[in-house]
Amino acid sequence: MPNSSCPLCDAKQVNFFQQDVRRSYYQCQQCMLVFADRASLLSATEELTQYQLHQNDVQDLGYRRFLQRLAGPLLANLPSAKLSGLDFGCGPGPLLAQMLAEAGHDMAVWDPYFAAEPAVLQHQYDFISCSEAIEHFANPRQEWALWLQLLKPGATLAIMTKRYTSADAFANWHYKLDPTHISFFAAQTFAYLAERDGFDLQLVSDDVVLLKQIKH
């Protein structure tokens, strides 16, 4: 059954969570990820069409202020030396990578639709940023495993995604109305991943988390 295992941690303890007018949702009982019914996922063409409607202009000061919510805490937690970074899921306007480059870091970008350069995934990085992209991953286990390979020892992973807090809040949550939003994280989800894979977790705000690899 397509909804019987978690697309993040692969646990089989998955329960029906909620139903709205458009689709149903399931919740993993191990990592607490909530995910949309696999049968409701858009095709790649439909998904790309949705992304092309977004107005993510690199000249937009409002968009820059929005991304500063991730860039600011990330930069504050990085050493002052020039580092190598990867902005994963950069979209058509890689403003976050530009902001981090302006701060003095060497940036690469990756996006399956807008910056699919395989050579970028052949290197390791001092940090990876992922802004408003992880909720679009149909099989986040794959991207998470890739990140573990791409991060240097002691590296930092910075993620921006809205987190759900409760079943009641989820029922009325505007964030799930976007048809490309299909994987929803809770604080417990990131805590599970941090403990399993050896990260120090910092919940910066209700939509920003920093995970720093613990050096052994």
C-alpha atoms as a PDB file:
ATOM      1  CA  MET A   1       0.000   0.000   0.000  1.00  0.00           C
ATOM      2  CA  PRO A   2       1.484   3.396  -1.007  1.00  0.00           C
ATOM      3  CA  ASN A   3       0.586   5.127   2.286  1.00  0.00           C
ATOM      4  CA  SER A   4       1.640   2.301   4.594  1.00  0.00           C
ATOM      5  CA  SER A   5       5.234   3.407   5.208  1.00  0.00           C
ATOM      6  CA  CYS A   6       6.779   6.748   6.076  1.00  0.00           C
ATOM      7  CA  PRO A   7       8.505   8.501   3.141  1.00  0.00           C
ATOM      8  CA  LEU A   8      11.037  10.009   5.557  1.00  0.00           C
ATOM      9  CA  CYS A   9      12.054   7.318   8.072  1.00  0.00           C
ATOM     10  CA  ASP A  10      10.501   4.242   6.370  1.00  0.00           C
ATOM     11  CA  ALA A  11       8.648   3.205   9.528  1.00  0.00           C
ATOM     12  CA  LYS A  12       5.566   1.035   9.030  1.00  0.00           C
ATOM     13  CA  GLN A  13       3.664   2.589  11.950  1.00  0.00           C
ATOM     14  CA  VAL A  14       1.607   4.983   9.840  1.00  0.00           C
ATOM     15  CA  ASN A  15      -1.910   6.091  10.750  1.00  0.00           C
ATOM     16  CA  PHE A  16      -4.601   7.966   8.880  1.00  0.00           C
ATOM     17  CA  PHE A  17      -4.386  11.558  10.148  1.00  0.00           C
ATOM     18  CA  GLN A  18      -6.923  13.838   8.475  1.00  0.00           C
ATOM     19  CA  GLN A  19      -9.083  14.386   5.412  1.00  0.00           C
ATOM     20  CA  ASP A  20      -9.915  17.687   3.764  1.00  0.00           C
ATOM     21  CA  VAL A  21     -11.889  18.501   0.641  1.00  0.00           C
ATOM     22  CA  ARG A  22      -8.920  17.794  -1.621  1.00  0.00           C
ATOM     23  CA  ARG A  23      -6.899  14.932  -0.148  1.00  0.00           C
ATOM     24  CA  SER A  24      -6.162  12.766   2.859  1.00  0.00           C
ATOM     25  CA  TYR A  25      -3.103  12.868   5.107  1.00  0.00           C
ATOM     26  CA  TYR A  26      -1.193  10.245   7.055  1.00  0.00           C
ATOM     27  CA  GLN A  27       1.096  10.517  10.088  1.00  0.00           C
ATOM     28  CA  CYS A  28       4.162   8.477  10.913  1.00  0.00           C
ATOM     29  CA  GLN A  29       4.115   7.329  14.531  1.00  0.00           C
ATOM     30  CA  GLN A  30       7.910   7.152  14.689  1.00  0.00           C
ATOM     31  CA  CYS A  31       9.104  10.515  13.314  1.00  0.00           C
ATOM     32  CA  MET A  32       5.706  12.294  13.295  1.00  0.00           C
ATOM     33  CA  LEU A  33       5.975  13.384   9.659  1.00  0.00           C
ATOM     34  CA  VAL A  34       2.581  14.082   8.123  1.00  0.00           C
ATOM     35  CA  PHE A  35       2.350  13.390   4.406  1.00  0.00           C
ATOM     36  CA  ALA A  36      -0.280  13.729   1.717  1.00  0.00           C
ATOM     37  CA  ASP A  37      -1.927  10.707   0.152  1.00  0.00           C
ATOM     38  CA  ARG A  38       0.444   9.366  -2.489  1.00  0.00           C
ATOM     39  CA  ALA A  39      -2.435   9.151  -4.957  1.00  0.00           C
ATOM     40  CA  SER A  40      -2.933  12.923  -4.730  1.00  0.00           C
ATOM     41  CA  LEU A  41       0.568  13.928  -5.828  1.00  0.00           C
ATOM     42  CA  LEU A  42       0.929  16.113  -8.899  1.00  0.00           C
ATOM     43  CA  SER A  43       2.805  14.936 -11.963  1.00  0.00           C
ATOM     44  CA  ALA A  44       6.196  16.516 -12.614  1.00  0.00           C
ATOM     45  CA  THR A  45       4.655  18.680 -15.352  1.00  0.00           C
ATOM     46  CA  GLU A  46       1.844  19.845 -13.068  1.00  0.00           C
ATOM     47  CA  GLU A  47       4.312  20.545 -10.283  1.00  0.00           C
ATOM     48  CA  LEU A  48       6.562  22.627 -12.537  1.00  0.00           C
ATOM     49  CA  THR A  49       3.552  24.628 -13.721  1.00  0.00           C
ATOM     50  CA  GLN A  50       2.775  25.520 -10.113  1.00  0.00           C
ATOM     51  CA  TYR A  51       6.364  26.623  -9.443  1.00  0.00           C
ATOM     52  CA  GLN A  52       6.375  28.825 -12.524  1.00  0.00           C
ATOM     53  CA  LEU A  53       3.504  30.801 -10.985  1.00  0.00           C
ATOM     54  CA  HIS A  54       5.723  31.875  -8.087  1.00  0.00           C
ATOM     55  CA  GLN A  55       7.098  35.402  -8.185  1.00  0.00           C
ATOM     56  CA  ASN A  56      10.504  34.903  -6.570  1.00  0.00           C
ATOM     57  CA  ASP A  57      12.351  37.900  -8.027  1.00  0.00           C
ATOM     58  CA  VAL A  58      15.947  38.321  -6.854  1.00  0.00           C
ATOM     59  CA  GLN A  59      15.366  42.100  -6.898  1.00  0.00           C
ATOM     60  CA  ASP A  60      12.358  41.851  -4.563  1.00  0.00           C
ATOM     61  CA  LEU A  61      13.242  43.427  -1.201  1.00  0.00           C
ATOM     62  CA  GLY A  62      10.312  41.690   0.480  1.00  0.00           C
ATOM     63  CA  TYR A  63      11.583  38.323  -0.709  1.00  0.00           C
ATOM     64  CA  ARG A  64      15.045  39.226   0.601  1.00  0.00           C
ATOM     65  CA  ARG A  65      13.582  40.082   4.018  1.00  0.00           C
ATOM     66  CA  PHE A  66      11.732  36.763   4.020  1.00  0.00           C
ATOM     67  CA  LEU A  67      14.911  34.789   3.262  1.00  0.00           C
ATOM     68  CA  GLN A  68      16.823  36.752   5.878  1.00  0.00           C
ATOM     69  CA  ARG A  69      14.862  34.756   8.451  1.00  0.00           C
ATOM     70  CA  LEU A  70      17.011  31.779   7.419  1.00  0.00           C
ATOM     71  CA  ALA A  71      20.168  33.541   6.236  1.00  0.00           C
ATOM     72  CA  GLY A  72      20.590  35.580   9.426  1.00  0.00           C
ATOM     73  CA  PRO A  73      20.615  32.697  11.936  1.00  0.00           C
ATOM     74  CA  LEU A  74      22.678  30.527   9.584  1.00  0.00           C
ATOM     75  CA  LEU A  75      25.378  33.175   9.125  1.00  0.00           C
ATOM     76  CA  ALA A  76      25.397  33.893  12.864  1.00  0.00           C
ATOM     77  CA  ASN A  77      26.170  30.228  13.539  1.00  0.00           C
ATOM     78  CA  LEU A  78      28.940  29.881  10.943  1.00  0.00           C
ATOM     79  CA  PRO A  79      32.598  30.723  11.555  1.00  0.00           C
ATOM     80  CA  SER A  80      33.860  33.925   9.937  1.00  0.00           C
ATOM     81  CA  ALA A  81      36.080  32.094   7.438  1.00  0.00           C
ATOM     82  CA  LYS A  82      34.990  31.626   3.835  1.00  0.00           C
ATOM     83  CA  LEU A  83      33.037  28.371   3.588  1.00  0.00           C
ATOM     84  CA  SER A  84      31.494  26.255   0.851  1.00  0.00           C
ATOM     85  CA  GLY A  85      27.715  26.142   0.779  1.00  0.00           C
ATOM     86  CA  LEU A  86      24.970  24.513  -1.247  1.00  0.00           C
ATOM     87  CA  ASP A  87      21.497  26.010  -1.587  1.00  0.00           C
ATOM     88  CA  PHE A  88      19.348  22.936  -2.229  1.00  0.00           C
ATOM     89  CA  GLY A  89      16.003  23.571  -3.934  1.00  0.00           C
ATOM     90  CA  CYS A  90      16.959  27.092  -4.992  1.00  0.00           C
ATOM     91  CA  GLY A  91      14.047  27.572  -7.406  1.00  0.00           C
ATOM     92  CA  PRO A  92      14.162  29.857 -10.453  1.00  0.00           C
ATOM     93  CA  GLY A  93      15.525  32.843  -8.491  1.00  0.00           C
ATOM     94  CA  PRO A  94      18.428  31.737  -6.249  1.00  0.00           C
ATOM     95  CA  LEU A  95      18.365  34.810  -4.015  1.00  0.00           C
ATOM     96  CA  LEU A  96      19.334  32.947  -0.836  1.00  0.00           C
ATOM     97  CA  ALA A  97      22.533  31.692  -2.479  1.00  0.00           C
ATOM     98  CA  GLN A  98      23.230  35.245  -3.616  1.00  0.00           C
ATOM     99  CA  MET A  99      22.761  36.571  -0.078  1.00  0.00           C
ATOM    100  CA  LEU A 100      25.088  33.944   1.374  1.00  0.00           C
ATOM    101  CA  ALA A 101      27.660  34.685  -1.352  1.00  0.00           C
ATOM    102  CA  GLU A 102      27.406  38.390  -0.481  1.00  0.00           C
ATOM    103  CA  ALA A 103      28.367  37.376   3.056  1.00  0.00           C
ATOM    104  CA  GLY A 104      31.597  35.907   1.675  1.00  0.00           C
ATOM    105  CA  HIS A 105      30.860  32.231   1.099  1.00  0.00           C
ATOM    106  CA  ASP A 106      31.370  30.118  -2.017  1.00  0.00           C
ATOM    107  CA  MET A 107      27.890  29.022  -3.058  1.00  0.00           C
ATOM    108  CA  ALA A 108      26.578  26.317  -5.342  1.00  0.00           C
ATOM    109  CA  VAL A 109      22.902  25.756  -6.178  1.00  0.00           C
ATOM    110  CA  TRP A 110      20.772  22.727  -6.944  1.00  0.00           C
ATOM    111  CA  ASP A 111      17.179  22.359  -8.021  1.00  0.00           C
ATOM    112  CA  PRO A 112      15.646  19.429  -9.937  1.00  0.00           C
ATOM    113  CA  TYR A 113      13.717  21.803 -12.217  1.00  0.00           C
ATOM    114  CA  PHE A 114      15.787  24.983 -12.392  1.00  0.00           C
ATOM    115  CA  ALA A 115      19.402  24.053 -11.605  1.00  0.00           C
ATOM    116  CA  ALA A 116      19.874  20.337 -12.184  1.00  0.00           C
ATOM    117  CA  GLU A 117      23.651  20.227 -12.543  1.00  0.00           C
ATOM    118  CA  PRO A 118      24.859  16.754 -11.435  1.00  0.00           C
ATOM    119  CA  ALA A 119      28.431  17.939 -10.796  1.00  0.00           C
ATOM    120  CA  VAL A 120      27.186  20.016  -7.858  1.00  0.00           C
ATOM    121  CA  LEU A 121      26.234  16.809  -6.070  1.00  0.00           C
ATOM    122  CA  GLN A 122      29.753  15.384  -6.397  1.00  0.00           C
ATOM    123  CA  HIS A 123      31.229  17.657  -3.712  1.00  0.00           C
ATOM    124  CA  GLN A 124      30.930  18.051   0.044  1.00  0.00           C
ATOM    125  CA  TYR A 125      29.973  21.318   1.698  1.00  0.00           C
ATOM    126  CA  ASP A 126      30.479  23.167   4.960  1.00  0.00           C
ATOM    127  CA  PHE A 127      26.767  23.961   5.048  1.00  0.00           C
ATOM    128  CA  ILE A 128      23.562  23.263   3.133  1.00  0.00           C
ATOM    129  CA  SER A 129      20.580  25.600   3.079  1.00  0.00           C
ATOM    130  CA  CYS A 130      17.080  24.552   2.065  1.00  0.00           C
ATOM    131  CA  SER A 131      14.445  27.268   2.106  1.00  0.00           C
ATOM    132  CA  GLU A 132      10.782  26.381   1.577  1.00  0.00           C
ATOM    133  CA  ALA A 133      11.644  23.259  -0.397  1.00  0.00           C
ATOM    134  CA  ILE A 134      11.610  20.255   1.944  1.00  0.00           C
ATOM    135  CA  GLU A 135       7.807  20.332   2.165  1.00  0.00           C
ATOM    136  CA  HIS A 136       7.734  19.636  -1.592  1.00  0.00           C
ATOM    137  CA  PHE A 137       9.745  16.396  -1.340  1.00  0.00           C
ATOM    138  CA  ALA A 138       7.701  13.306  -2.167  1.00  0.00           C
ATOM    139  CA  ASN A 139      10.367  11.010  -0.729  1.00  0.00           C
ATOM    140  CA  PRO A 140      12.321  13.156   1.734  1.00  0.00           C
ATOM    141  CA  ARG A 141      14.262  10.080   2.876  1.00  0.00           C
ATOM    142  CA  GLN A 142      16.189  10.284  -0.408  1.00  0.00           C
ATOM    143  CA  GLU A 143      17.113  13.957  -0.089  1.00  0.00           C
ATOM    144  CA  TRP A 144      18.008  13.543   3.586  1.00  0.00           C
ATOM    145  CA  ALA A 145      20.331  10.637   2.779  1.00  0.00           C
ATOM    146  CA  LEU A 146      21.900  12.721   0.021  1.00  0.00           C
ATOM    147  CA  TRP A 147      22.469  15.618   2.424  1.00  0.00           C
ATOM    148  CA  LEU A 148      24.244  13.307   4.845  1.00  0.00           C
ATOM    149  CA  GLN A 149      26.634  12.437   2.028  1.00  0.00           C
ATOM    150  CA  LEU A 150      27.114  16.059   0.942  1.00  0.00           C
ATOM    151  CA  LEU A 151      27.836  17.510   4.392  1.00  0.00           C
ATOM    152  CA  LYS A 152      31.418  17.651   5.594  1.00  0.00           C
ATOM    153  CA  PRO A 153      32.048  16.461   9.173  1.00  0.00           C
ATOM    154  CA  GLY A 154      30.780  19.091  11.581  1.00  0.00           C
ATOM    155  CA  ALA A 155      28.787  20.852   8.863  1.00  0.00           C
ATOM    156  CA  THR A 156      25.518  22.741   9.299  1.00  0.00           C
ATOM    157  CA  LEU A 157      22.132  22.106   7.717  1.00  0.00           C
ATOM    158  CA  ALA A 158      19.738  25.083   7.686  1.00  0.00           C
ATOM    159  CA  ILE A 159      16.091  24.450   6.806  1.00  0.00           C
ATOM    160  CA  MET A 160      13.125  26.758   6.463  1.00  0.00           C
ATOM    161  CA  THR A 161       9.690  25.132   6.399  1.00  0.00           C
ATOM    162  CA  LYS A 162       6.532  25.817   8.353  1.00  0.00           C
ATOM    163  CA  ARG A 163       6.057  23.252  11.135  1.00  0.00           C
ATOM    164  CA  TYR A 164       2.701  21.892  12.203  1.00  0.00           C
ATOM    165  CA  THR A 165       2.010  21.875  15.933  1.00  0.00           C
ATOM    166  CA  SER A 166      -1.154  19.837  16.506  1.00  0.00           C
ATOM    167  CA  ALA A 167      -3.962  18.008  14.730  1.00  0.00           C
ATOM    168  CA  ASP A 168      -6.350  20.887  15.412  1.00  0.00           C
ATOM    169  CA  ALA A 169      -3.946  23.452  14.004  1.00  0.00           C
ATOM    170  CA  PHE A 170      -3.276  21.263  10.970  1.00  0.00           C
ATOM    171  CA  ALA A 171      -6.992  21.026  10.174  1.00  0.00           C
ATOM    172  CA  ASN A 172      -7.183  24.789   9.594  1.00  0.00           C
ATOM    173  CA  TRP A 173      -3.659  25.328   8.305  1.00  0.00           C
ATOM    174  CA  HIS A 174      -3.332  27.367   5.104  1.00  0.00           C
ATOM    175  CA  TYR A 175       0.112  25.847   4.437  1.00  0.00           C
ATOM    176  CA  LYS A 176      -1.349  22.485   3.419  1.00  0.00           C
ATOM    177  CA  LEU A 177      -3.577  24.078   0.767  1.00  0.00           C
ATOM    178  CA  ASP A 178      -0.694  24.429  -1.686  1.00  0.00           C
ATOM    179  CA  PRO A 179      -0.969  21.274  -3.847  1.00  0.00           C
ATOM    180  CA  THR A 180       2.847  21.055  -4.050  1.00  0.00           C
ATOM    181  CA  HIS A 181       3.165  20.941  -0.237  1.00  0.00           C
ATOM    182  CA  ILE A 182       3.111  17.227   0.530  1.00  0.00           C
ATOM    183  CA  SER A 183       5.486  16.581   3.483  1.00  0.00           C
ATOM    184  CA  PHE A 184       4.861  18.362   6.774  1.00  0.00           C
ATOM    185  CA  PHE A 185       7.339  18.407   9.634  1.00  0.00           C
ATOM    186  CA  ALA A 186       6.855  18.867  13.361  1.00  0.00           C
ATOM    187  CA  ALA A 187       9.458  19.832  15.935  1.00  0.00           C
ATOM    188  CA  GLN A 188       9.461  16.148  16.932  1.00  0.00           C
ATOM    189  CA  THR A 189      10.368  15.188  13.357  1.00  0.00           C
ATOM    190  CA  PHE A 190      13.538  17.242  13.415  1.00  0.00           C
ATOM    191  CA  ALA A 191      14.320  16.034  16.943  1.00  0.00           C
ATOM    192  CA  TYR A 192      14.041  12.430  15.726  1.00  0.00           C
ATOM    193  CA  LEU A 193      16.356  13.072  12.761  1.00  0.00           C
ATOM    194  CA  ALA A 194      18.859  14.952  14.918  1.00  0.00           C
ATOM    195  CA  GLU A 195      19.086  12.151  17.473  1.00  0.00           C
ATOM    196  CA  ARG A 196      19.235   9.411  14.855  1.00  0.00           C
ATOM    197  CA  ASP A 197      21.889  11.039  12.679  1.00  0.00           C
ATOM    198  CA  GLY A 198      24.036  12.925  15.169  1.00  0.00           C
ATOM    199  CA  PHE A 199      23.075  16.589  14.968  1.00  0.00           C
ATOM    200  CA  ASP A 200      22.685  19.322  17.515  1.00  0.00           C
ATOM    201  CA  LEU A 201      19.253  20.802  16.847  1.00  0.00           C
ATOM    202  CA  GLN A 202      18.348  24.462  17.220  1.00  0.00           C
ATOM    203  CA  LEU A 203      14.707  25.445  16.703  1.00  0.00           C
ATOM    204  CA  VAL A 204      15.310  29.054  15.702  1.00  0.00           C
ATOM    205  CA  SER A 205      11.685  30.006  15.037  1.00  0.00           C
ATOM    206  CA  ASP A 206       8.424  28.377  14.001  1.00  0.00           C
ATOM    207  CA  ASP A 207       9.776  27.830  10.488  1.00  0.00           C
ATOM    208  CA  VAL A 208      13.590  27.754  10.787  1.00  0.00           C
ATOM    209  CA  VAL A 209      15.797  24.996  12.166  1.00  0.00           C
ATOM    210  CA  LEU A 210      19.569  24.629  12.278  1.00  0.00           C
ATOM    211  CA  LEU A 211      21.195  21.212  12.590  1.00  0.00           C
ATOM    212  CA  LYS A 212      24.921  21.017  13.225  1.00  0.00           C
ATOM    213  CA  GLN A 213      26.696  17.716  12.890  1.00  0.00           C
ATOM    214  CA  ILE A 214      28.287  16.478  16.095  1.00  0.00           C
ATOM    215  CA  LYS A 215      31.940  15.719  15.510  1.00  0.00           C
ATOM    216  CA  HIS A 216      33.117  12.355  16.808  1.00  0.00           C
END
